[in-house]
Amino acid sequence: MNIKQYILIASIGFLLFSCGEQVGNNDLDIGSPQEPTIEIAERSDKIKNIFFNIPSPMETSQILQNAGATYEFTLPSNPSAVDDYQSIVEQSLNMGIYGADLNYATVFSQTTETMLYLQCARTLGNELGMDQVFDEETIDRIEWNLEIKDSMQIIITEIFWEMNSYLEEDDRESISTLIIVGGWVEGVYLSTQLARIAPENDALKLRIAEQKYSLTNLIGLLNSYEEDDISQDMMEELQELDAIFNKITAVKTTGENHKDENDVTTIGGSIKLGMNDAILEEITAKIAEIRTDIINE
């Protein structure tokens, strides 16, 4: 898997929105997503499916900045709470939470917060037996590149893909999945809160609506584990959230095919997602509830 395709904790975390066309709130027009398919025997493919539904951090930054959004210091999780998480499930979920906050801080060039959330990720990583991922050489690279956003994105990518690979090799994929869940929850939480701050940003709302597909894949991934490995309370809450996302209508539309100058044919057609403000508010409330349970507020 190409580590530059996605920042593990970004996907698993802060929704990385693409700079799509501004469209109406009740008729969000997107390119056709791949229908979610869950194969229990192929967890890596499912993980990639979740990641690749979410574009890059630079696109996120562009959309939010175009909408006049800034870094909101009150939104990310409290770094001081890192030592409160004692169980493997708590540590794994909050590893994802802090990873998403790390990416959020990095995108907006908040160097102090970047180091705070990196330290949180390092602390929980060590608690989960991944000390070698956060070695001194990696920390030095971060300090040298702290002011260079693109370099930081690459370094963070490498850290979290190395974590994911280590957990797979150590037969602890359930921990990796819980990290993904925590990051995804924080990503949706951050984006719904930012949508409240910038209610006219339809591109932001569109990216939230698209997460109905990622959530289906995420639940399928969780279902592939034994009950002892995964929090069943978390599964039930995600299923309740899924019921809300399923209120979003998806209508396939047809369009004309055309060829570009290189004789490459583009197939016409798209999917329109219909999400009104009432559905968005339900998603906002439910994701905040789930997130509160994870961070023990």
Protein backbone atom coordinates (compact mmCIF):
# COMPACT_ATOMS: atom_id res chain seq x y z
CA MET A 1 0.00 0.00 0.00
CA ASN A 2 1.41 3.45 -0.91
CA ILE A 3 1.85 5.38 2.32
CA LYS A 4 1.40 8.70 0.55
CA GLN A 5 -2.11 7.76 -0.56
CA TYR A 6 -3.50 8.68 2.78
CA ILE A 7 -2.57 9.82 6.22
CA LEU A 8 -3.83 7.04 8.40
CA ILE A 9 -4.87 9.31 11.19
CA ALA A 10 -6.20 11.85 8.78
CA SER A 11 -8.63 9.41 7.29
CA ILE A 12 -9.17 7.84 10.29
CA GLY A 13 -9.62 11.22 11.35
CA PHE A 14 -10.13 14.71 10.08
CA LEU A 15 -12.35 14.48 7.02
CA LEU A 16 -10.23 15.61 4.13
CA PHE A 17 -12.59 17.36 1.86
CA SER A 18 -12.09 17.95 -1.85
CA CYS A 19 -12.65 21.28 -3.53
CA GLY A 20 -15.82 20.33 -5.31
CA GLU A 21 -18.38 22.54 -7.02
CA GLN A 22 -20.59 24.52 -4.63
CA VAL A 23 -24.04 22.98 -4.74
CA GLY A 24 -27.36 23.34 -2.98
CA ASN A 25 -27.83 21.94 0.53
CA ASN A 26 -30.79 19.76 -0.42
CA ASP A 27 -29.27 18.29 -3.58
CA LEU A 28 -25.60 17.55 -3.13
CA ASP A 29 -24.06 16.42 -6.42
CA ILE A 30 -21.00 14.19 -6.22
CA GLY A 31 -19.04 11.92 -8.48
CA SER A 32 -20.11 8.31 -8.30
CA PRO A 33 -18.54 6.64 -5.23
CA GLN A 34 -17.76 2.99 -5.29
CA GLU A 35 -20.46 0.92 -3.65
CA PRO A 36 -19.16 -0.37 -0.33
CA THR A 37 -18.31 -4.05 -0.40
CA ILE A 38 -17.25 -5.89 2.74
CA GLU A 39 -15.18 -9.08 2.49
CA ILE A 40 -14.33 -10.34 5.95
CA ALA A 41 -11.26 -12.19 4.68
CA GLU A 42 -9.79 -9.01 3.14
CA ARG A 43 -9.53 -6.45 5.92
CA SER A 44 -6.70 -4.55 4.27
CA ASP A 45 -8.87 -3.91 1.23
CA LYS A 46 -11.65 -2.66 3.46
CA ILE A 47 -9.27 -0.32 5.25
CA LYS A 48 -8.06 1.06 1.89
CA ASN A 49 -11.69 1.47 0.83
CA ILE A 50 -12.33 3.67 3.85
CA PHE A 51 -9.14 5.68 3.30
CA PHE A 52 -9.59 6.28 -0.40
CA ASN A 53 -13.09 7.73 0.06
CA ILE A 54 -11.42 10.76 1.61
CA PRO A 55 -9.22 13.20 -0.34
CA SER A 56 -6.01 14.97 0.73
CA PRO A 57 -5.28 17.40 3.59
CA MET A 58 -4.33 20.20 1.22
CA GLU A 59 -7.81 20.05 -0.31
CA THR A 60 -9.30 20.22 3.17
CA SER A 61 -7.36 23.31 3.98
CA GLN A 62 -8.42 24.99 0.73
CA ILE A 63 -12.15 24.44 1.29
CA LEU A 64 -12.06 25.61 4.88
CA GLN A 65 -9.93 28.64 4.07
CA ASN A 66 -12.21 29.56 1.15
CA ALA A 67 -15.09 29.54 3.61
CA GLY A 68 -13.17 31.81 5.97
CA ALA A 69 -12.66 29.03 8.53
CA THR A 70 -9.78 29.17 10.99
CA TYR A 71 -8.26 26.78 13.50
CA GLU A 72 -10.74 26.44 16.35
CA PHE A 73 -8.78 25.78 19.52
CA THR A 74 -11.83 24.56 21.47
CA LEU A 75 -12.67 21.69 19.11
CA PRO A 76 -9.85 19.13 19.46
CA SER A 77 -9.64 16.76 22.42
CA ASN A 78 -7.86 17.78 25.61
CA PRO A 79 -4.18 16.70 25.49
CA SER A 80 -4.06 16.64 29.30
CA ALA A 81 -6.51 13.72 29.36
CA VAL A 82 -4.10 11.33 27.63
CA ASP A 83 -3.12 9.57 30.88
CA ASP A 84 -6.77 8.93 31.76
CA TYR A 85 -7.13 6.21 29.13
CA GLN A 86 -6.20 2.89 30.69
CA SER A 87 -7.82 0.04 28.77
CA ILE A 88 -6.64 -1.10 25.34
CA VAL A 89 -9.97 -0.09 23.80
CA GLU A 90 -9.79 3.41 25.34
CA GLN A 91 -6.18 3.87 24.31
CA SER A 92 -6.80 2.69 20.76
CA LEU A 93 -9.89 4.82 20.17
CA ASN A 94 -8.24 7.92 21.62
CA MET A 95 -5.11 7.25 19.59
CA GLY A 96 -7.37 7.82 16.60
CA ILE A 97 -8.93 10.90 18.19
CA TYR A 98 -5.56 12.53 18.86
CA GLY A 99 -4.30 11.52 15.44
CA ALA A 100 -7.16 13.36 13.79
CA ASP A 101 -6.45 16.40 15.96
CA LEU A 102 -2.79 16.14 15.00
CA ASN A 103 -3.69 16.36 11.34
CA TYR A 104 -6.09 19.26 11.97
CA ALA A 105 -3.33 21.20 13.72
CA THR A 106 -0.83 20.38 10.98
CA VAL A 107 -3.14 21.52 8.16
CA PHE A 108 -3.53 24.90 9.87
CA SER A 109 0.18 25.22 10.75
CA GLN A 110 -0.41 25.25 14.50
CA THR A 111 3.05 24.16 15.57
CA THR A 112 2.47 24.14 19.32
CA GLU A 113 -0.69 22.06 18.98
CA THR A 114 1.00 19.79 16.44
CA MET A 115 3.67 18.90 19.00
CA LEU A 116 1.08 18.46 21.77
CA TYR A 117 -0.98 15.99 19.76
CA LEU A 118 2.11 14.24 18.45
CA GLN A 119 3.15 13.69 22.07
CA CYS A 120 -0.32 12.31 22.85
CA ALA A 121 -0.03 9.88 19.94
CA ARG A 122 3.46 8.90 21.09
CA THR A 123 2.28 8.31 24.67
CA LEU A 124 -0.60 6.08 23.61
CA GLY A 125 1.54 4.36 21.01
CA ASN A 126 4.02 3.42 23.72
CA GLU A 127 1.21 2.19 25.96
CA LEU A 128 0.05 -0.03 23.10
CA GLY A 129 3.52 -1.51 22.67
CA MET A 130 4.67 0.47 19.63
CA ASP A 131 7.66 2.27 21.13
CA GLN A 132 9.84 1.60 18.09
CA VAL A 133 7.54 3.61 15.81
CA PHE A 134 8.23 6.82 17.72
CA ASP A 135 12.01 6.60 17.85
CA GLU A 136 14.36 9.54 18.36
CA GLU A 137 15.22 9.76 14.67
CA THR A 138 11.53 10.26 13.82
CA ILE A 139 11.09 12.89 16.53
CA ASP A 140 14.18 14.74 15.23
CA ARG A 141 12.74 14.73 11.69
CA ILE A 142 9.55 16.25 13.01
CA GLU A 143 11.39 19.00 14.88
CA TRP A 144 13.44 19.84 11.77
CA ASN A 145 10.35 20.01 9.54
CA LEU A 146 7.81 21.46 11.93
CA GLU A 147 7.34 24.63 9.87
CA ILE A 148 7.10 22.78 6.54
CA LYS A 149 3.53 21.57 6.10
CA ASP A 150 4.10 19.20 3.18
CA SER A 151 7.01 17.50 4.91
CA MET A 152 5.01 17.12 8.10
CA GLN A 153 2.19 15.42 6.20
CA ILE A 154 4.66 12.89 4.77
CA ILE A 155 6.24 12.21 8.16
CA ILE A 156 2.87 11.75 9.86
CA THR A 157 1.83 9.44 7.05
CA GLU A 158 4.91 7.30 7.53
CA ILE A 159 4.44 7.12 11.31
CA PHE A 160 0.89 5.88 11.19
CA TRP A 161 1.32 3.49 8.29
CA GLU A 162 4.27 2.01 10.15
CA MET A 163 2.01 1.61 13.17
CA ASN A 164 -0.63 -0.07 11.06
CA SER A 165 1.90 -2.46 9.50
CA TYR A 166 3.37 -3.31 12.90
CA LEU A 167 -0.04 -4.13 14.34
CA GLU A 168 -0.91 -6.33 11.34
CA GLU A 169 2.37 -8.24 11.65
CA ASP A 170 1.81 -8.64 15.39
CA ASP A 171 -1.70 -10.04 14.79
CA ARG A 172 -3.30 -7.07 16.54
CA GLU A 173 -5.39 -5.73 13.70
CA SER A 174 -8.30 -5.05 16.03
CA ILE A 175 -6.24 -2.27 17.65
CA SER A 176 -5.57 -0.76 14.23
CA THR A 177 -9.30 -0.86 13.48
CA LEU A 178 -10.16 0.85 16.77
CA ILE A 179 -7.65 3.59 15.93
CA ILE A 180 -9.41 4.00 12.59
CA VAL A 181 -12.79 4.22 14.34
CA GLY A 182 -11.58 6.87 16.77
CA GLY A 183 -10.05 8.95 14.02
CA TRP A 184 -13.10 8.66 11.79
CA VAL A 185 -15.37 9.74 14.65
CA GLU A 186 -13.16 12.76 15.39
CA GLY A 187 -13.08 13.62 11.71
CA VAL A 188 -16.87 13.67 11.44
CA TYR A 189 -17.10 15.55 14.74
CA LEU A 190 -14.65 18.25 13.61
CA SER A 191 -16.32 18.64 10.25
CA THR A 192 -19.86 18.86 11.65
CA GLN A 193 -18.75 21.47 14.17
CA LEU A 194 -17.01 23.44 11.43
CA ALA A 195 -20.18 23.16 9.33
CA ARG A 196 -22.02 24.91 12.16
CA ILE A 197 -19.44 27.69 12.09
CA ALA A 198 -19.64 27.95 8.28
CA PRO A 199 -23.28 27.00 7.51
CA GLU A 200 -23.09 28.22 3.91
CA ASN A 201 -20.21 25.91 3.01
CA ASP A 202 -22.01 23.32 0.89
CA ALA A 203 -18.76 21.58 -0.07
CA LEU A 204 -18.18 20.84 3.60
CA LYS A 205 -21.69 19.45 3.96
CA LEU A 206 -21.20 17.33 0.86
CA ARG A 207 -18.13 15.66 2.34
CA ILE A 208 -20.05 14.90 5.53
CA ALA A 209 -22.86 13.33 3.49
CA GLU A 210 -20.38 11.15 1.61
CA GLN A 211 -19.34 9.54 4.87
CA LYS A 212 -22.42 7.32 4.71
CA TYR A 213 -20.31 5.05 2.47
CA SER A 214 -17.26 5.11 4.76
CA LEU A 215 -19.44 4.31 7.77
CA THR A 216 -20.92 1.26 6.04
CA ASN A 217 -17.40 -0.01 5.37
CA LEU A 218 -16.32 0.79 8.91
CA ILE A 219 -19.18 -1.19 10.46
CA GLY A 220 -18.40 -4.11 8.17
CA LEU A 221 -14.78 -3.98 9.29
CA LEU A 222 -15.82 -4.03 12.95
CA ASN A 223 -18.15 -6.97 12.29
CA SER A 224 -15.21 -9.05 11.12
CA TYR A 225 -13.73 -9.24 14.62
CA GLU A 226 -14.61 -11.32 17.64
CA GLU A 227 -16.78 -9.60 20.25
CA ASP A 228 -13.93 -9.58 22.77
CA ASP A 229 -11.74 -7.51 20.45
CA ILE A 230 -14.16 -4.69 19.76
CA SER A 231 -16.34 -2.51 21.96
CA GLN A 232 -19.92 -3.67 21.40
CA ASP A 233 -21.25 -0.39 22.82
CA MET A 234 -19.30 1.43 20.13
CA MET A 235 -20.72 -0.87 17.47
CA GLU A 236 -24.28 -0.17 18.61
CA GLU A 237 -23.68 3.58 18.57
CA LEU A 238 -22.21 3.46 15.08
CA GLN A 239 -25.20 1.46 13.90
CA GLU A 240 -27.49 4.15 15.31
CA LEU A 241 -25.45 6.74 13.44
CA ASP A 242 -25.69 4.60 10.30
CA ALA A 243 -29.48 4.71 10.57
CA ILE A 244 -29.29 8.51 10.46
CA PHE A 245 -26.89 8.51 7.49
CA ASN A 246 -29.29 6.17 5.69
CA LYS A 247 -31.83 9.01 5.64
CA ILE A 248 -29.59 10.65 3.05
CA THR A 249 -31.01 9.85 -0.36
CA ALA A 250 -28.76 8.70 -3.18
CA VAL A 251 -30.04 9.02 -6.74
CA LYS A 252 -28.05 7.92 -9.77
CA THR A 253 -28.17 10.28 -12.71
CA THR A 254 -27.13 9.72 -16.31
CA GLY A 255 -24.93 11.89 -18.45
CA GLU A 256 -23.18 11.93 -21.79
CA ASN A 257 -19.88 10.13 -22.33
CA HIS A 258 -17.05 12.15 -23.83
CA LYS A 259 -13.43 11.73 -24.93
CA ASP A 260 -10.53 14.00 -24.05
CA GLU A 261 -7.62 15.00 -26.27
CA ASN A 262 -5.87 11.71 -25.46
CA ASP A 263 -8.88 9.71 -26.62
CA VAL A 264 -9.72 8.66 -23.03
CA THR A 265 -13.44 8.14 -22.55
CA THR A 266 -15.13 9.51 -19.44
CA ILE A 267 -18.40 7.82 -18.55
CA GLY A 268 -21.14 10.30 -17.81
CA GLY A 269 -23.35 10.14 -14.77
CA SER A 270 -23.08 10.81 -11.07
CA ILE A 271 -24.84 10.27 -7.78
CA LYS A 272 -26.75 13.03 -6.06
CA LEU A 273 -26.91 12.88 -2.29
CA GLY A 274 -29.84 14.62 -0.65
CA MET A 275 -29.14 15.79 2.90
CA ASN A 276 -31.17 18.58 4.48
CA ASP A 277 -30.30 20.61 7.56
CA ALA A 278 -32.43 18.42 9.83
CA ILE A 279 -30.44 15.29 8.89
CA LEU A 280 -27.16 17.17 9.29
CA GLU A 281 -28.20 18.27 12.78
CA GLU A 282 -29.03 14.67 13.71
CA ILE A 283 -25.61 13.55 12.51
CA THR A 284 -23.98 16.42 14.40
CA ALA A 285 -25.72 15.51 17.66
CA LYS A 286 -25.08 11.76 17.39
CA ILE A 287 -21.41 12.05 16.49
CA ALA A 288 -20.90 14.43 19.42
CA GLU A 289 -22.51 11.85 21.72
CA ILE A 290 -20.28 9.06 20.43
CA ARG A 291 -17.20 11.21 20.72
CA THR A 292 -18.07 12.19 24.30
CA ASP A 293 -18.26 8.50 25.22
CA ILE A 294 -14.81 7.90 23.72
CA ILE A 295 -13.00 10.77 25.43
CA ASN A 296 -14.86 10.25 28.73
CA GLU A 297 -16.00 13.86 29.07
